[in-house]
Amino acid sequence: MTSRHRRFALMDVKFGGIDLPGATVDCWDDSEGNSQWSARVVTRVGPEIDDGDLTGRTADGRSLSGHAVVADRQVGAGGRRETLVELHGTGELLGLVVDDPEPAA
C-alpha cells in the first residue's frame, strides 16, 4: 500500500534541457517505504529523448530536480496534436521537502 501521496504543480519545467510547459508531479512512498515520483506534461512539442533530468520550481519557489525516463507518450487527435508525456522518476526528487507525520502517542 502506498503512503504519503502528494501532488503539486511544477513550473519553469525543463526535461533534458528542453523547455516544457508546466508539469503535474505525484510523489509517494511505496509499500516498502521507498520514495517514488512521476510527472505528467501536456505539450505540443514533446521531447524526443527517452530519459534526462527534469527540473522546475514549485509555486512557493523551491527548485526541484531528478532523473526521469519517458514511460508513455499519448498523442491526441485533432488540429492541436497535443501530447501527454508521462515521466517516471528513477531516483530521488532533489529539493522535495516532506513533512513527516507526527509520531504516534
PDB file of N, CA and C in Angstrom:
ATOM      1  N   MET A   1       0.839  -1.168   0.000  1.00  0.00           N
ATOM      2  CA  MET A   1       0.000   0.000   0.000  1.00  0.00           C
ATOM      3  C   MET A   1       0.893   1.243   0.000  1.00  0.00           C
ATOM      4  N   THR A   2       0.503   2.252  -0.750  1.00  0.00           N
ATOM      5  CA  THR A   2       1.290   3.478  -0.804  1.00  0.00           C
ATOM      6  C   THR A   2       0.911   4.407   0.339  1.00  0.00           C
ATOM      7  N   SER A   3       1.811   5.312   0.660  1.00  0.00           N
ATOM      8  CA  SER A   3       1.536   6.286   1.714  1.00  0.00           C
ATOM      9  C   SER A   3       2.182   7.616   1.347  1.00  0.00           C
ATOM     10  N   ARG A   4       1.802   8.636   2.071  1.00  0.00           N
ATOM     11  CA  ARG A   4       2.351   9.989   1.928  1.00  0.00           C
ATOM     12  C   ARG A   4       2.283  10.500   0.493  1.00  0.00           C
ATOM     13  N   HIS A   5       1.157  10.282  -0.150  1.00  0.00           N
ATOM     14  CA  HIS A   5       0.984  10.766  -1.529  1.00  0.00           C
ATOM     15  C   HIS A   5       0.852  12.290  -1.529  1.00  0.00           C
ATOM     16  N   ARG A   6       1.570  12.932  -2.451  1.00  0.00           N
ATOM     17  CA  ARG A   6       1.495  14.369  -2.646  1.00  0.00           C
ATOM     18  C   ARG A   6       1.391  14.652  -4.133  1.00  0.00           C
ATOM     19  N   ARG A   7       0.624  15.674  -4.491  1.00  0.00           N
ATOM     20  CA  ARG A   7       0.506  16.106  -5.893  1.00  0.00           C
ATOM     21  C   ARG A   7       0.664  17.618  -5.909  1.00  0.00           C
ATOM     22  N   PHE A   8       1.456  18.110  -6.858  1.00  0.00           N
ATOM     23  CA  PHE A   8       1.673  19.546  -6.941  1.00  0.00           C
ATOM     24  C   PHE A   8       2.083  19.923  -8.359  1.00  0.00           C
ATOM     25  N   ALA A   9       1.958  21.208  -8.649  1.00  0.00           N
ATOM     26  CA  ALA A   9       2.342  21.743  -9.955  1.00  0.00           C
ATOM     27  C   ALA A   9       3.825  22.094  -9.948  1.00  0.00           C
ATOM     28  N   LEU A  10       4.443  21.932 -11.096  1.00  0.00           N
ATOM     29  CA  LEU A  10       5.838  22.315 -11.293  1.00  0.00           C
ATOM     30  C   LEU A  10       5.866  23.299 -12.463  1.00  0.00           C
ATOM     31  N   MET A  11       6.532  24.427 -12.264  1.00  0.00           N
ATOM     32  CA  MET A  11       6.606  25.476 -13.288  1.00  0.00           C
ATOM     33  C   MET A  11       8.039  25.597 -13.797  1.00  0.00           C
ATOM     34  N   ASP A  12       8.219  26.341 -14.882  1.00  0.00           N
ATOM     35  CA  ASP A  12       9.552  26.543 -15.484  1.00  0.00           C
ATOM     36  C   ASP A  12      10.248  25.202 -15.699  1.00  0.00           C
ATOM     37  N   VAL A  13       9.532  24.280 -16.309  1.00  0.00           N
ATOM     38  CA  VAL A  13       9.982  22.891 -16.442  1.00  0.00           C
ATOM     39  C   VAL A  13      10.946  22.729 -17.614  1.00  0.00           C
ATOM     40  N   LYS A  14      11.983  21.947 -17.370  1.00  0.00           N
ATOM     41  CA  LYS A  14      12.895  21.506 -18.427  1.00  0.00           C
ATOM     42  C   LYS A  14      13.082  20.003 -18.267  1.00  0.00           C
ATOM     43  N   PHE A  15      13.157  19.313 -19.396  1.00  0.00           N
ATOM     44  CA  PHE A  15      13.447  17.878 -19.391  1.00  0.00           C
ATOM     45  C   PHE A  15      14.568  17.655 -20.388  1.00  0.00           C
ATOM     46  N   GLY A  16      15.697  17.208 -19.892  1.00  0.00           N
ATOM     47  CA  GLY A  16      16.855  17.025 -20.755  1.00  0.00           C
ATOM     48  C   GLY A  16      17.285  18.321 -21.415  1.00  0.00           C
ATOM     49  N   GLY A  17      17.080  19.441 -20.711  1.00  0.00           N
ATOM     50  CA  GLY A  17      17.459  20.744 -21.234  1.00  0.00           C
ATOM     51  C   GLY A  17      16.442  21.379 -22.162  1.00  0.00           C
ATOM     52  N   ILE A  18      15.328  20.698 -22.430  1.00  0.00           N
ATOM     53  CA  ILE A  18      14.285  21.198 -23.332  1.00  0.00           C
ATOM     54  C   ILE A  18      13.187  21.869 -22.507  1.00  0.00           C
ATOM     55  N   ASP A  19      12.848  23.117 -22.843  1.00  0.00           N
ATOM     56  CA  ASP A  19      11.773  23.828 -22.150  1.00  0.00           C
ATOM     57  C   ASP A  19      10.435  23.164 -22.437  1.00  0.00           C
ATOM     58  N   LEU A  20       9.654  22.959 -21.371  1.00  0.00           N
ATOM     59  CA  LEU A  20       8.312  22.394 -21.487  1.00  0.00           C
ATOM     60  C   LEU A  20       7.349  23.246 -20.685  1.00  0.00           C
ATOM     61  N   PRO A  21       6.046  23.168 -21.010  1.00  0.00           N
ATOM     62  CA  PRO A  21       5.076  23.849 -20.155  1.00  0.00           C
ATOM     63  C   PRO A  21       5.061  23.179 -18.777  1.00  0.00           C
ATOM     64  N   GLY A  22       4.301  23.693 -17.873  1.00  0.00           N
ATOM     65  CA  GLY A  22       4.245  23.150 -16.523  1.00  0.00           C
ATOM     66  C   GLY A  22       3.914  21.670 -16.474  1.00  0.00           C
ATOM     67  N   ALA A  23       4.250  21.055 -15.360  1.00  0.00           N
ATOM     68  CA  ALA A  23       4.010  19.627 -15.152  1.00  0.00           C
ATOM     69  C   ALA A  23       3.220  19.424 -13.867  1.00  0.00           C
ATOM     70  N   THR A  24       2.552  18.284 -13.786  1.00  0.00           N
ATOM     71  CA  THR A  24       1.926  17.841 -12.547  1.00  0.00           C
ATOM     72  C   THR A  24       2.767  16.693 -12.012  1.00  0.00           C
ATOM     73  N   VAL A  25       3.186  16.813 -10.750  1.00  0.00           N
ATOM     74  CA  VAL A  25       4.071  15.821 -10.141  1.00  0.00           C
ATOM     75  C   VAL A  25       3.323  15.093  -9.034  1.00  0.00           C
ATOM     76  N   ASP A  26       3.480  13.781  -8.991  1.00  0.00           N
ATOM     77  CA  ASP A  26       2.980  12.955  -7.899  1.00  0.00           C
ATOM     78  C   ASP A  26       4.168  12.304  -7.223  1.00  0.00           C
ATOM     79  N   CYS A  27       4.180  12.329  -5.885  1.00  0.00           N
ATOM     80  CA  CYS A  27       5.223  11.675  -5.089  1.00  0.00           C
ATOM     81  C   CYS A  27       4.536  10.797  -4.051  1.00  0.00           C
ATOM     82  N   TRP A  28       5.136   9.658  -3.753  1.00  0.00           N
ATOM     83  CA  TRP A  28       4.565   8.759  -2.763  1.00  0.00           C
ATOM     84  C   TRP A  28       5.645   7.810  -2.268  1.00  0.00           C
ATOM     85  N   ASP A  29       5.347   7.137  -1.175  1.00  0.00           N
ATOM     86  CA  ASP A  29       6.196   6.063  -0.670  1.00  0.00           C
ATOM     87  C   ASP A  29       5.512   4.755  -1.015  1.00  0.00           C
ATOM     88  N   ASP A  30       6.263   3.821  -1.597  1.00  0.00           N
ATOM     89  CA  ASP A  30       5.669   2.538  -1.954  1.00  0.00           C
ATOM     90  C   ASP A  30       5.523   1.664  -0.711  1.00  0.00           C
ATOM     91  N   SER A  31       5.020   0.456  -0.890  1.00  0.00           N
ATOM     92  CA  SER A  31       4.733  -0.427   0.247  1.00  0.00           C
ATOM     93  C   SER A  31       5.984  -0.823   1.021  1.00  0.00           C
ATOM     94  N   GLU A  32       7.157  -0.655   0.418  1.00  0.00           N
ATOM     95  CA  GLU A  32       8.411  -0.963   1.108  1.00  0.00           C
ATOM     96  C   GLU A  32       9.071   0.280   1.685  1.00  0.00           C
ATOM     97  N   GLY A  33       8.390   1.435   1.595  1.00  0.00           N
ATOM     98  CA  GLY A  33       8.911   2.670   2.155  1.00  0.00           C
ATOM     99  C   GLY A  33       9.849   3.438   1.243  1.00  0.00           C
ATOM    100  N   ASN A  34       9.975   3.004  -0.012  1.00  0.00           N
ATOM    101  CA  ASN A  34      10.836   3.704  -0.967  1.00  0.00           C
ATOM    102  C   ASN A  34      10.086   4.875  -1.593  1.00  0.00           C
ATOM    103  N   SER A  35      10.771   6.000  -1.750  1.00  0.00           N
ATOM    104  CA  SER A  35      10.171   7.174  -2.387  1.00  0.00           C
ATOM    105  C   SER A  35      10.068   6.957  -3.889  1.00  0.00           C
ATOM    106  N   GLN A  36       8.917   7.301  -4.442  1.00  0.00           N
ATOM    107  CA  GLN A  36       8.654   7.188  -5.874  1.00  0.00           C
ATOM    108  C   GLN A  36       8.090   8.517  -6.354  1.00  0.00           C
ATOM    109  N   TRP A  37       8.249   8.806  -7.639  1.00  0.00           N
ATOM    110  CA  TRP A  37       7.631  10.009  -8.193  1.00  0.00           C
ATOM    111  C   TRP A  37       7.411   9.864  -9.688  1.00  0.00           C
ATOM    112  N   SER A  38       6.438  10.624 -10.178  1.00  0.00           N
ATOM    113  CA  SER A  38       6.168  10.678 -11.614  1.00  0.00           C
ATOM    114  C   SER A  38       5.717  12.093 -11.954  1.00  0.00           C
ATOM    115  N   ALA A  39       5.793  12.431 -13.230  1.00  0.00           N
ATOM    116  CA  ALA A  39       5.362  13.750 -13.693  1.00  0.00           C
ATOM    117  C   ALA A  39       4.622  13.585 -15.010  1.00  0.00           C
ATOM    118  N   ARG A  40       3.622  14.446 -15.221  1.00  0.00           N
ATOM    119  CA  ARG A  40       2.873  14.450 -16.471  1.00  0.00           C
ATOM    120  C   ARG A  40       2.926  15.849 -17.073  1.00  0.00           C
ATOM    121  N   VAL A  41       3.168  15.889 -18.376  1.00  0.00           N
ATOM    122  CA  VAL A  41       3.261  17.150 -19.109  1.00  0.00           C
ATOM    123  C   VAL A  41       2.384  17.039 -20.352  1.00  0.00           C
ATOM    124  N   VAL A  42       1.570  18.052 -20.610  1.00  0.00           N
ATOM    125  CA  VAL A  42       0.828  18.132 -21.866  1.00  0.00           C
ATOM    126  C   VAL A  42       1.525  19.198 -22.704  1.00  0.00           C
ATOM    127  N   THR A  43       1.960  18.806 -23.906  1.00  0.00           N
ATOM    128  CA  THR A  43       2.748  19.711 -24.731  1.00  0.00           C
ATOM    129  C   THR A  43       2.460  19.495 -26.210  1.00  0.00           C
ATOM    130  N   ARG A  44       2.656  20.512 -27.001  1.00  0.00           N
ATOM    131  CA  ARG A  44       2.553  20.368 -28.453  1.00  0.00           C
ATOM    132  C   ARG A  44       3.900  19.995 -29.047  1.00  0.00           C
ATOM    133  N   VAL A  45       4.961  20.275 -28.325  1.00  0.00           N
ATOM    134  CA  VAL A  45       6.312  19.955 -28.793  1.00  0.00           C
ATOM    135  C   VAL A  45       6.912  18.983 -27.779  1.00  0.00           C
ATOM    136  N   GLY A  46       6.589  17.712 -27.919  1.00  0.00           N
ATOM    137  CA  GLY A  46       7.058  16.716 -26.967  1.00  0.00           C
ATOM    138  C   GLY A  46       8.538  16.439 -27.131  1.00  0.00           C
ATOM    139  N   PRO A  47       9.227  16.149 -26.036  1.00  0.00           N
ATOM    140  CA  PRO A  47      10.651  15.835 -26.137  1.00  0.00           C
ATOM    141  C   PRO A  47      10.861  14.514 -26.868  1.00  0.00           C
ATOM    142  N   GLU A  48      11.851  14.472 -27.730  1.00  0.00           N
ATOM    143  CA  GLU A  48      12.162  13.255 -28.485  1.00  0.00           C
ATOM    144  C   GLU A  48      13.097  12.332 -27.722  1.00  0.00           C
ATOM    145  N   ILE A  49      13.632  12.810 -26.601  1.00  0.00           N
ATOM    146  CA  ILE A  49      14.556  11.991 -25.816  1.00  0.00           C
ATOM    147  C   ILE A  49      13.765  11.034 -24.933  1.00  0.00           C
ATOM    148  N   ASP A  50      14.411   9.967 -24.503  1.00  0.00           N
ATOM    149  CA  ASP A  50      13.745   8.957 -23.677  1.00  0.00           C
ATOM    150  C   ASP A  50      14.089   9.056 -22.200  1.00  0.00           C
ATOM    151  N   ASP A  51      15.147   9.783 -21.856  1.00  0.00           N
ATOM    152  CA  ASP A  51      15.470   9.987 -20.451  1.00  0.00           C
ATOM    153  C   ASP A  51      16.288  11.263 -20.314  1.00  0.00           C
ATOM    154  N   GLY A  52      16.292  11.800 -19.095  1.00  0.00           N
ATOM    155  CA  GLY A  52      17.030  13.035 -18.834  1.00  0.00           C
ATOM    156  C   GLY A  52      16.672  13.579 -17.471  1.00  0.00           C
ATOM    157  N   ASP A  53      17.241  14.723 -17.152  1.00  0.00           N
ATOM    158  CA  ASP A  53      16.954  15.371 -15.879  1.00  0.00           C
ATOM    159  C   ASP A  53      15.745  16.283 -16.027  1.00  0.00           C
ATOM    160  N   LEU A  54      14.805  16.151 -15.092  1.00  0.00           N
ATOM    161  CA  LEU A  54      13.640  17.017 -15.018  1.00  0.00           C
ATOM    162  C   LEU A  54      13.938  18.083 -13.972  1.00  0.00           C
ATOM    163  N   THR A  55      13.741  19.345 -14.324  1.00  0.00           N
ATOM    164  CA  THR A  55      13.934  20.436 -13.374  1.00  0.00           C
ATOM    165  C   THR A  55      12.737  21.363 -13.437  1.00  0.00           C
ATOM    166  N   GLY A  56      12.513  22.086 -12.361  1.00  0.00           N
ATOM    167  CA  GLY A  56      11.435  23.059 -12.307  1.00  0.00           C
ATOM    168  C   GLY A  56      11.356  23.651 -10.921  1.00  0.00           C
ATOM    169  N   ARG A  57      10.323  24.470 -10.717  1.00  0.00           N
ATOM    170  CA  ARG A  57      10.143  25.065  -9.394  1.00  0.00           C
ATOM    171  C   ARG A  57       8.675  24.976  -8.994  1.00  0.00           C
ATOM    172  N   THR A  58       8.471  24.911  -7.699  1.00  0.00           N
ATOM    173  CA  THR A  58       7.127  24.820  -7.145  1.00  0.00           C
ATOM    174  C   THR A  58       6.530  26.216  -7.006  1.00  0.00           C
ATOM    175  N   ALA A  59       5.249  26.273  -6.676  1.00  0.00           N
ATOM    176  CA  ALA A  59       4.559  27.552  -6.516  1.00  0.00           C
ATOM    177  C   ALA A  59       5.196  28.406  -5.424  1.00  0.00           C
ATOM    178  N   ASP A  60       5.800  27.765  -4.416  1.00  0.00           N
ATOM    179  CA  ASP A  60       6.443  28.538  -3.347  1.00  0.00           C
ATOM    180  C   ASP A  60       7.913  28.835  -3.649  1.00  0.00           C
ATOM    181  N   GLY A  61       8.364  28.541  -4.874  1.00  0.00           N
ATOM    182  CA  GLY A  61       9.697  28.938  -5.307  1.00  0.00           C
ATOM    183  C   GLY A  61      10.809  27.928  -5.127  1.00  0.00           C
ATOM    184  N   ARG A  62      10.507  26.757  -4.558  1.00  0.00           N
ATOM    185  CA  ARG A  62      11.560  25.746  -4.375  1.00  0.00           C
ATOM    186  C   ARG A  62      11.937  25.119  -5.706  1.00  0.00           C
ATOM    187  N   SER A  63      13.223  24.903  -5.908  1.00  0.00           N
ATOM    188  CA  SER A  63      13.715  24.224  -7.106  1.00  0.00           C
ATOM    189  C   SER A  63      13.754  22.730  -6.857  1.00  0.00           C
ATOM    190  N   LEU A  64      13.252  21.963  -7.827  1.00  0.00           N
ATOM    191  CA  LEU A  64      13.271  20.506  -7.746  1.00  0.00           C
ATOM    192  C   LEU A  64      13.963  19.957  -8.978  1.00  0.00           C
ATOM    193  N   SER A  65      14.606  18.812  -8.816  1.00  0.00           N
ATOM    194  CA  SER A  65      15.231  18.153  -9.965  1.00  0.00           C
ATOM    195  C   SER A  65      15.365  16.669  -9.685  1.00  0.00           C
ATOM    196  N   GLY A  66      15.389  15.895 -10.753  1.00  0.00           N
ATOM    197  CA  GLY A  66      15.578  14.459 -10.639  1.00  0.00           C
ATOM    198  C   GLY A  66      15.651  13.831 -12.015  1.00  0.00           C
ATOM    199  N   HIS A  67      16.262  12.673 -12.073  1.00  0.00           N
ATOM    200  CA  HIS A  67      16.382  11.960 -13.341  1.00  0.00           C
ATOM    201  C   HIS A  67      15.089  11.183 -13.594  1.00  0.00           C
ATOM    202  N   ALA A  68      14.646  11.185 -14.852  1.00  0.00           N
ATOM    203  CA  ALA A  68      13.397  10.507 -15.206  1.00  0.00           C
ATOM    204  C   ALA A  68      13.521   9.862 -16.577  1.00  0.00           C
ATOM    205  N   VAL A  69      12.666   8.872 -16.802  1.00  0.00           N
ATOM    206  CA  VAL A  69      12.560   8.231 -18.113  1.00  0.00           C
ATOM    207  C   VAL A  69      11.137   8.437 -18.622  1.00  0.00           C
ATOM    208  N   VAL A  70      10.991   8.499 -19.936  1.00  0.00           N
ATOM    209  CA  VAL A  70       9.662   8.610 -20.530  1.00  0.00           C
ATOM    210  C   VAL A  70       8.996   7.245 -20.435  1.00  0.00           C
ATOM    211  N   ALA A  71       7.872   7.193 -19.717  1.00  0.00           N
ATOM    212  CA  ALA A  71       7.142   5.943 -19.543  1.00  0.00           C
ATOM    213  C   ALA A  71       6.053   5.792 -20.598  1.00  0.00           C
ATOM    214  N   ASP A  72       5.521   6.920 -21.089  1.00  0.00           N
ATOM    215  CA  ASP A  72       4.428   6.851 -22.052  1.00  0.00           C
ATOM    216  C   ASP A  72       4.298   8.184 -22.776  1.00  0.00           C
ATOM    217  N   ARG A  73       3.881   8.110 -24.025  1.00  0.00           N
ATOM    218  CA  ARG A  73       3.529   9.292 -24.827  1.00  0.00           C
ATOM    219  C   ARG A  73       2.193   8.992 -25.484  1.00  0.00           C
ATOM    220  N   GLN A  74       1.219   9.870 -25.284  1.00  0.00           N
ATOM    221  CA  GLN A  74      -0.091   9.699 -25.900  1.00  0.00           C
ATOM    222  C   GLN A  74      -0.397  10.936 -26.725  1.00  0.00           C
ATOM    223  N   VAL A  75      -0.424  10.775 -28.043  1.00  0.00           N
ATOM    224  CA  VAL A  75      -0.682  11.889 -28.951  1.00  0.00           C
ATOM    225  C   VAL A  75      -2.183  12.031 -29.135  1.00  0.00           C
ATOM    226  N   GLY A  76      -2.681  13.223 -28.887  1.00  0.00           N
ATOM    227  CA  GLY A  76      -4.101  13.491 -29.028  1.00  0.00           C
ATOM    228  C   GLY A  76      -4.499  13.705 -30.478  1.00  0.00           C
ATOM    229  N   ALA A  77      -5.763  13.468 -30.741  1.00  0.00           N
ATOM    230  CA  ALA A  77      -6.296  13.678 -32.092  1.00  0.00           C
ATOM    231  C   ALA A  77      -6.626  15.151 -32.284  1.00  0.00           C
ATOM    232  N   GLY A  78      -6.806  15.540 -33.516  1.00  0.00           N
ATOM    233  CA  GLY A  78      -7.232  16.904 -33.796  1.00  0.00           C
ATOM    234  C   GLY A  78      -6.098  17.803 -34.232  1.00  0.00           C
ATOM    235  N   GLY A  79      -6.467  19.049 -34.500  1.00  0.00           N
ATOM    236  CA  GLY A  79      -5.530  20.013 -35.046  1.00  0.00           C
ATOM    237  C   GLY A  79      -4.399  20.400 -34.118  1.00  0.00           C
ATOM    238  N   ARG A  80      -4.636  20.426 -32.813  1.00  0.00           N
ATOM    239  CA  ARG A  80      -3.587  20.876 -31.891  1.00  0.00           C
ATOM    240  C   ARG A  80      -2.524  19.815 -31.662  1.00  0.00           C
ATOM    241  N   ARG A  81      -2.863  18.557 -31.836  1.00  0.00           N
ATOM    242  CA  ARG A  81      -1.910  17.447 -31.697  1.00  0.00           C
ATOM    243  C   ARG A  81      -1.115  17.527 -30.394  1.00  0.00           C
ATOM    244  N   GLU A  82      -1.817  17.775 -29.305  1.00  0.00           N
ATOM    245  CA  GLU A  82      -1.138  17.810 -28.018  1.00  0.00           C
ATOM    246  C   GLU A  82      -0.741  16.403 -27.610  1.00  0.00           C
ATOM    247  N   THR A  83       0.364  16.312 -26.897  1.00  0.00           N
ATOM    248  CA  THR A  83       0.885  15.030 -26.447  1.00  0.00           C
ATOM    249  C   THR A  83       0.981  15.029 -24.932  1.00  0.00           C
ATOM    250  N   LEU A  84       0.460  13.970 -24.320  1.00  0.00           N
ATOM    251  CA  LEU A  84       0.632  13.753 -22.891  1.00  0.00           C
ATOM    252  C   LEU A  84       1.883  12.908 -22.718  1.00  0.00           C
ATOM    253  N   VAL A  85       2.869  13.446 -22.015  1.00  0.00           N
ATOM    254  CA  VAL A  85       4.118  12.735 -21.758  1.00  0.00           C
ATOM    255  C   VAL A  85       4.150  12.381 -20.279  1.00  0.00           C
ATOM    256  N   GLU A  86       4.293  11.084 -19.981  1.00  0.00           N
ATOM    257  CA  GLU A  86       4.396  10.634 -18.596  1.00  0.00           C
ATOM    258  C   GLU A  86       5.836  10.246 -18.318  1.00  0.00           C
ATOM    259  N   LEU A  87       6.387  10.841 -17.269  1.00  0.00           N
ATOM    260  CA  LEU A  87       7.767  10.586 -16.863  1.00  0.00           C
ATOM    261  C   LEU A  87       7.771   9.845 -15.538  1.00  0.00           C
ATOM    262  N   HIS A  88       8.649   8.865 -15.410  1.00  0.00           N
ATOM    263  CA  HIS A  88       8.824   8.150 -14.147  1.00  0.00           C
ATOM    264  C   HIS A  88      10.194   8.471 -13.584  1.00  0.00           C
ATOM    265  N   GLY A  89      10.218   8.903 -12.341  1.00  0.00           N
ATOM    266  CA  GLY A  89      11.480   9.195 -11.675  1.00  0.00           C
ATOM    267  C   GLY A  89      12.294   7.930 -11.473  1.00  0.00           C
ATOM    268  N   THR A  90      13.608   8.055 -11.632  1.00  0.00           N
ATOM    269  CA  THR A  90      14.490   6.898 -11.463  1.00  0.00           C
ATOM    270  C   THR A  90      15.360   7.039 -10.229  1.00  0.00           C
ATOM    271  N   GLY A  91      15.037   7.946  -9.381  1.00  0.00           N
ATOM    272  CA  GLY A  91      15.791   8.165  -8.148  1.00  0.00           C
ATOM    273  C   GLY A  91      15.092   9.235  -7.338  1.00  0.00           C
ATOM    274  N   GLU A  92      15.825   9.808  -6.436  1.00  0.00           N
ATOM    275  CA  GLU A  92      15.284  10.816  -5.536  1.00  0.00           C
ATOM    276  C   GLU A  92      14.919  12.092  -6.291  1.00  0.00           C
ATOM    277  N   LEU A  93      13.851  12.732  -5.867  1.00  0.00           N
ATOM    278  CA  LEU A  93      13.468  14.042  -6.386  1.00  0.00           C
ATOM    279  C   LEU A  93      14.125  15.068  -5.472  1.00  0.00           C
ATOM    280  N   LEU A  94      15.215  15.652  -5.935  1.00  0.00           N
ATOM    281  CA  LEU A  94      16.022  16.547  -5.112  1.00  0.00           C
ATOM    282  C   LEU A  94      15.306  17.866  -4.868  1.00  0.00           C
ATOM    283  N   GLY A  95      15.349  18.331  -3.628  1.00  0.00           N
ATOM    284  CA  GLY A  95      14.716  19.588  -3.256  1.00  0.00           C
ATOM    285  C   GLY A  95      13.337  19.417  -2.667  1.00  0.00           C
ATOM    286  N   LEU A  96      12.798  18.205  -2.718  1.00  0.00           N
ATOM    287  CA  LEU A  96      11.467  17.943  -2.176  1.00  0.00           C
ATOM    288  C   LEU A  96      11.537  17.929  -0.657  1.00  0.00           C
ATOM    289  N   VAL A  97      10.678  18.709  -0.031  1.00  0.00           N
ATOM    290  CA  VAL A  97      10.588  18.740   1.424  1.00  0.00           C
ATOM    291  C   VAL A  97       9.324  17.993   1.808  1.00  0.00           C
ATOM    292  N   VAL A  98       9.492  16.980   2.639  1.00  0.00           N
ATOM    293  CA  VAL A  98       8.366  16.150   3.047  1.00  0.00           C
ATOM    294  C   VAL A  98       8.119  16.362   4.524  1.00  0.00           C
ATOM    295  N   ASP A  99       6.900  16.744   4.856  1.00  0.00           N
ATOM    296  CA  ASP A  99       6.534  16.873   6.261  1.00  0.00           C
ATOM    297  C   ASP A  99       6.291  15.487   6.816  1.00  0.00           C
ATOM    298  N   ASP A 100       7.079  15.115   7.825  1.00  0.00           N
ATOM    299  CA  ASP A 100       6.887  13.812   8.458  1.00  0.00           C
ATOM    300  C   ASP A 100       5.633  13.849   9.307  1.00  0.00           C
ATOM    301  N   PRO A 101       4.887  12.739   9.304  1.00  0.00           N
ATOM    302  CA  PRO A 101       3.709  12.696  10.165  1.00  0.00           C
ATOM    303  C   PRO A 101       4.139  12.752  11.624  1.00  0.00           C
ATOM    304  N   GLU A 102       3.265  13.280  12.446  1.00  0.00           N
ATOM    305  CA  GLU A 102       3.597  13.354  13.868  1.00  0.00           C
ATOM    306  C   GLU A 102       3.665  11.951  14.437  1.00  0.00           C
ATOM    307  N   PRO A 103       4.620  11.716  15.357  1.00  0.00           N
ATOM    308  CA  PRO A 103       4.743  10.373  15.939  1.00  0.00           C
ATOM    309  C   PRO A 103       3.503  10.012  16.746  1.00  0.00           C
ATOM    310  N   ALA A 104       3.206   8.731  16.733  1.00  0.00           N
ATOM    311  CA  ALA A 104       2.055   8.241  17.500  1.00  0.00           C
ATOM    312  C   ALA A 104       2.336   8.391  18.984  1.00  0.00           C
ATOM    313  N   ALA A 105       1.309   8.717  19.731  1.00  0.00           N
ATOM    314  CA  ALA A 105       1.467   8.913  21.181  1.00  0.00           C
ATOM    315  C   ALA A 105       1.460   7.602  21.904  1.00  0.00           C
TER     316      ALA A 105
END
